[in-house]
Amino acid sequence: MKLPHLRATRERRLVSQSDLAIAARISVATISRIEQGNDAAMGTIRKIADALDVQPADLMEKSEVSA
């Protein structure tokens, strides 16, 4: 699944890619790839959402949430 709202959410919370990667326990390269438009696994999405204190749906396109 794509996370088109990840970068904006991360930047609004003043969190760097590096800090997010540490908090979510994933690599900076993974964060970067997802922000560039690559798909993310649901487990990764949950880790990122937890680290940003948001719901996974907040990071996804609305069409993917209802699909």
C-alpha atoms as a PDB file:
ATOM      1  CA  MET A   1       0.000   0.000   0.000  1.00  0.00           C
ATOM      2  CA  LYS A   2       1.123   3.511  -0.708  1.00  0.00           C
ATOM      3  CA  LEU A   3       1.384   6.162   2.005  1.00  0.00           C
ATOM      4  CA  PRO A   4       0.965   9.497   0.212  1.00  0.00           C
ATOM      5  CA  HIS A   5       0.429  11.389   3.474  1.00  0.00           C
ATOM      6  CA  LEU A   6       3.512  10.056   5.266  1.00  0.00           C
ATOM      7  CA  ARG A   7       5.921  12.870   4.443  1.00  0.00           C
ATOM      8  CA  ALA A   8       3.459  15.648   5.283  1.00  0.00           C
ATOM      9  CA  THR A   9       2.471  13.953   8.539  1.00  0.00           C
ATOM     10  CA  ARG A  10       6.094  13.374   9.500  1.00  0.00           C
ATOM     11  CA  GLU A  11       7.092  16.955   8.673  1.00  0.00           C
ATOM     12  CA  ARG A  12       4.071  18.430  10.514  1.00  0.00           C
ATOM     13  CA  ARG A  13       5.265  16.597  13.612  1.00  0.00           C
ATOM     14  CA  LEU A  14       8.831  17.857  13.036  1.00  0.00           C
ATOM     15  CA  VAL A  15      10.207  14.317  12.889  1.00  0.00           C
ATOM     16  CA  SER A  16      13.207  13.501  10.695  1.00  0.00           C
ATOM     17  CA  GLN A  17      13.352  10.350   8.613  1.00  0.00           C
ATOM     18  CA  SER A  18      16.122   9.126  10.887  1.00  0.00           C
ATOM     19  CA  ASP A  19      14.133   9.714  14.078  1.00  0.00           C
ATOM     20  CA  LEU A  20      11.068   8.058  12.577  1.00  0.00           C
ATOM     21  CA  ALA A  21      13.116   5.060  11.490  1.00  0.00           C
ATOM     22  CA  ILE A  22      14.476   4.648  15.009  1.00  0.00           C
ATOM     23  CA  ALA A  23      11.046   5.022  16.633  1.00  0.00           C
ATOM     24  CA  ALA A  24       9.409   2.611  14.167  1.00  0.00           C
ATOM     25  CA  ARG A  25      12.372   0.199  14.221  1.00  0.00           C
ATOM     26  CA  ILE A  26      12.758   0.205  10.452  1.00  0.00           C
ATOM     27  CA  SER A  27      15.515   1.537   8.209  1.00  0.00           C
ATOM     28  CA  VAL A  28      15.838   5.099   6.959  1.00  0.00           C
ATOM     29  CA  ALA A  29      16.025   3.611   3.457  1.00  0.00           C
ATOM     30  CA  THR A  30      12.585   2.068   3.967  1.00  0.00           C
ATOM     31  CA  ILE A  31      11.118   5.407   5.071  1.00  0.00           C
ATOM     32  CA  SER A  32      12.710   7.088   2.068  1.00  0.00           C
ATOM     33  CA  ARG A  33      11.402   4.479  -0.394  1.00  0.00           C
ATOM     34  CA  ILE A  34       7.871   4.739   1.000  1.00  0.00           C
ATOM     35  CA  GLU A  35       7.949   8.535   0.813  1.00  0.00           C
ATOM     36  CA  GLN A  36       9.073   8.238  -2.819  1.00  0.00           C
ATOM     37  CA  GLY A  37       5.907   6.299  -3.618  1.00  0.00           C
ATOM     38  CA  ASN A  38       6.859   2.664  -3.165  1.00  0.00           C
ATOM     39  CA  ASP A  39       4.461   0.264  -1.485  1.00  0.00           C
ATOM     40  CA  ALA A  40       4.721  -0.601   2.205  1.00  0.00           C
ATOM     41  CA  ALA A  41       3.667  -3.804   3.945  1.00  0.00           C
ATOM     42  CA  MET A  42       0.848  -3.526   6.470  1.00  0.00           C
ATOM     43  CA  GLY A  43       3.203  -4.393   9.337  1.00  0.00           C
ATOM     44  CA  THR A  44       5.500  -1.543   8.333  1.00  0.00           C
ATOM     45  CA  ILE A  45       2.536   0.825   8.036  1.00  0.00           C
ATOM     46  CA  ARG A  46       1.446  -0.061  11.573  1.00  0.00           C
ATOM     47  CA  LYS A  47       4.955   0.554  12.933  1.00  0.00           C
ATOM     48  CA  ILE A  48       5.134   3.952  11.232  1.00  0.00           C
ATOM     49  CA  ALA A  49       1.649   4.951  12.356  1.00  0.00           C
ATOM     50  CA  ASP A  50       2.412   3.927  15.947  1.00  0.00           C
ATOM     51  CA  ALA A  51       5.658   5.909  15.914  1.00  0.00           C
ATOM     52  CA  LEU A  52       3.812   9.007  14.617  1.00  0.00           C
ATOM     53  CA  ASP A  53       0.856   8.438  16.985  1.00  0.00           C
ATOM     54  CA  VAL A  54      -1.675   8.345  14.117  1.00  0.00           C
ATOM     55  CA  GLN A  55      -3.982   5.742  12.626  1.00  0.00           C
ATOM     56  CA  PRO A  56      -2.648   3.825   9.596  1.00  0.00           C
ATOM     57  CA  ALA A  57      -5.585   5.195   7.578  1.00  0.00           C
ATOM     58  CA  ASP A  58      -4.302   8.734   8.188  1.00  0.00           C
ATOM     59  CA  LEU A  59      -1.241   7.932   6.073  1.00  0.00           C
ATOM     60  CA  MET A  60      -3.072   6.205   3.189  1.00  0.00           C
ATOM     61  CA  GLU A  61      -5.188   7.283   0.248  1.00  0.00           C
ATOM     62  CA  LYS A  62      -8.861   7.198   1.127  1.00  0.00           C
ATOM     63  CA  SER A  63      -9.540   4.768  -1.749  1.00  0.00           C
ATOM     64  CA  GLU A  64      -7.059   2.246  -0.310  1.00  0.00           C
ATOM     65  CA  VAL A  65      -8.615   2.457   3.146  1.00  0.00           C
ATOM     66  CA  SER A  66     -12.068   1.505   1.873  1.00  0.00           C
ATOM     67  CA  ALA A  67     -10.791  -1.142  -0.567  1.00  0.00           C
END
